[in-house]
Protein backbone atom coordinates (compact mmCIF):
# COMPACT_ATOMS: atom_id res chain seq x y z
CA MET A 1 -69.79 -3.56 58.68
CA ASN A 2 -71.65 -4.33 55.46
CA LYS A 3 -70.83 -0.80 54.23
CA TYR A 4 -67.10 -1.42 54.68
CA LEU A 5 -67.35 -4.79 53.01
CA LEU A 6 -69.23 -3.25 50.10
CA LEU A 7 -66.64 -0.46 49.77
CA TRP A 8 -63.85 -3.05 49.97
CA ASN A 9 -65.50 -5.13 47.19
CA VAL A 10 -65.92 -2.03 44.99
CA ALA A 11 -62.30 -1.01 45.58
CA LEU A 12 -61.05 -4.52 44.74
CA THR A 13 -63.27 -4.64 41.65
CA LEU A 14 -61.86 -1.30 40.45
CA LEU A 15 -58.32 -2.48 41.17
CA VAL A 16 -58.84 -5.74 39.26
CA LEU A 17 -60.48 -3.82 36.40
CA PHE A 18 -57.52 -1.42 36.28
CA VAL A 19 -55.05 -4.32 36.20
CA PHE A 20 -56.94 -5.96 33.31
CA ILE A 21 -57.08 -2.68 31.37
CA GLN A 22 -53.35 -2.19 31.87
CA GLY A 23 -52.78 -5.78 30.85
CA GLY A 24 -54.70 -5.21 27.63
CA SER A 25 -52.53 -2.26 26.62
CA ASN A 26 -49.43 -4.30 27.46
CA ALA A 27 -50.66 -7.10 25.20
CA ALA A 28 -50.62 -4.75 22.22
CA LYS A 29 -47.15 -3.58 23.19
CA LEU A 30 -46.05 -7.20 23.62
CA THR A 31 -47.32 -8.05 20.13
CA GLN A 32 -45.41 -5.08 18.71
CA LEU A 33 -42.24 -6.17 20.51
CA GLU A 34 -42.65 -9.75 19.26
CA THR A 35 -42.97 -8.43 15.70
CA GLN A 36 -39.85 -6.31 16.12
CA LEU A 37 -38.00 -9.25 17.63
CA ALA A 38 -38.90 -11.47 14.67
CA SER A 39 -37.76 -8.74 12.29
CA HIS A 40 -34.46 -8.32 14.16
CA GLN A 41 -33.89 -12.07 14.22
CA GLN A 42 -34.41 -12.19 10.45
CA THR A 43 -31.95 -9.32 10.01
CA ILE A 44 -29.40 -11.07 12.21
CA GLU A 45 -29.79 -14.32 10.25
CA THR A 46 -29.35 -12.42 6.98
CA MET A 47 -26.25 -10.68 8.30
CA ASN A 48 -24.86 -13.97 9.61
CA LYS A 49 -25.33 -15.58 6.19
CA ALA A 50 -23.62 -12.62 4.51
CA ILE A 51 -20.71 -12.83 6.97
CA ASN A 52 -20.35 -16.58 6.34
CA ASP A 53 -20.46 -16.03 2.57
CA THR A 54 -17.83 -13.30 2.84
CA SER A 55 -15.66 -15.51 5.03
CA ASN A 56 -15.90 -18.34 2.49
CA THR A 57 -15.02 -15.90 -0.31
CA PHE A 58 -11.98 -14.66 1.64
CA THR A 59 -10.86 -18.24 2.23
CA ALA A 60 -11.16 -19.08 -1.47
CA GLN A 61 -9.35 -15.89 -2.49
CA THR A 62 -6.59 -16.56 0.04
CA GLN A 63 -6.06 -19.98 -1.50
CA GLN A 64 -6.00 -18.44 -5.00
CA ILE A 65 -3.46 -15.84 -3.86
CA ALA A 66 -1.26 -18.55 -2.35
CA SER A 67 -1.44 -20.50 -5.61
CA LEU A 68 -0.62 -17.41 -7.68
CA ASN A 69 2.23 -16.57 -5.32
CA ALA A 70 3.72 -20.06 -5.78
CA THR A 71 3.29 -19.80 -9.56
CA LEU A 72 4.92 -16.37 -9.59
CA GLY A 73 7.80 -17.64 -7.44
CA ASN A 74 8.35 -20.54 -9.84
CA SER A 75 8.21 -18.17 -12.82
CA ILE A 76 10.77 -15.85 -11.24
CA THR A 77 13.08 -18.78 -10.50
CA GLN A 78 12.69 -20.11 -14.05
CA THR A 79 13.30 -16.65 -15.55
CA SER A 80 16.37 -16.17 -13.36
CA LEU A 81 17.83 -19.52 -14.43
CA THR A 82 17.08 -18.78 -18.09
CA LEU A 83 18.68 -15.34 -17.84
CA GLN A 84 21.71 -16.76 -16.06
CA LYS A 85 22.14 -19.40 -18.80
CA TYR A 86 21.73 -16.73 -21.49
CA VAL A 87 24.41 -14.52 -19.90
CA GLN A 88 26.80 -17.48 -19.55
CA ASP A 89 26.27 -18.44 -23.19
CA TYR A 90 26.66 -14.81 -24.31
CA VAL A 91 29.90 -14.34 -22.36
CA ALA A 92 31.29 -17.67 -23.63
CA ALA A 93 30.40 -16.71 -27.22
CA TYR A 94 31.97 -13.27 -26.79
CA PHE A 95 35.26 -14.70 -25.46
CA GLN A 96 35.28 -17.29 -28.21
CA ALA A 97 34.71 -14.56 -30.81
CA VAL A 98 37.61 -12.46 -29.56
CA GLY A 99 39.81 -15.52 -29.18
CA LEU A 100 40.19 -15.51 -25.42
CA ALA A 101 38.53 -18.84 -24.81
CA LYS A 102 40.60 -21.49 -23.12
């Protein structure tokens, strides 16, 4: 019975030793994965900041475009009114020159 107990203790010792050796190689892999994770997190944070900056830029440019659009609309309206007044004055002057004015 002592032989079987001795064999059982040797087998368990080898099994425990194998598990520790495997655990040691996994620790190196775990460290590598943690390093990669930190690198990926930094990349994600950088990309998130760039996306937020781009979004803020788009918002500012959209507001500028809206302002320019309003200014352009006002300019077109003003130009149209000025042109209309010019044509009315020109036609009135023409009819007055040819003597057809009322």
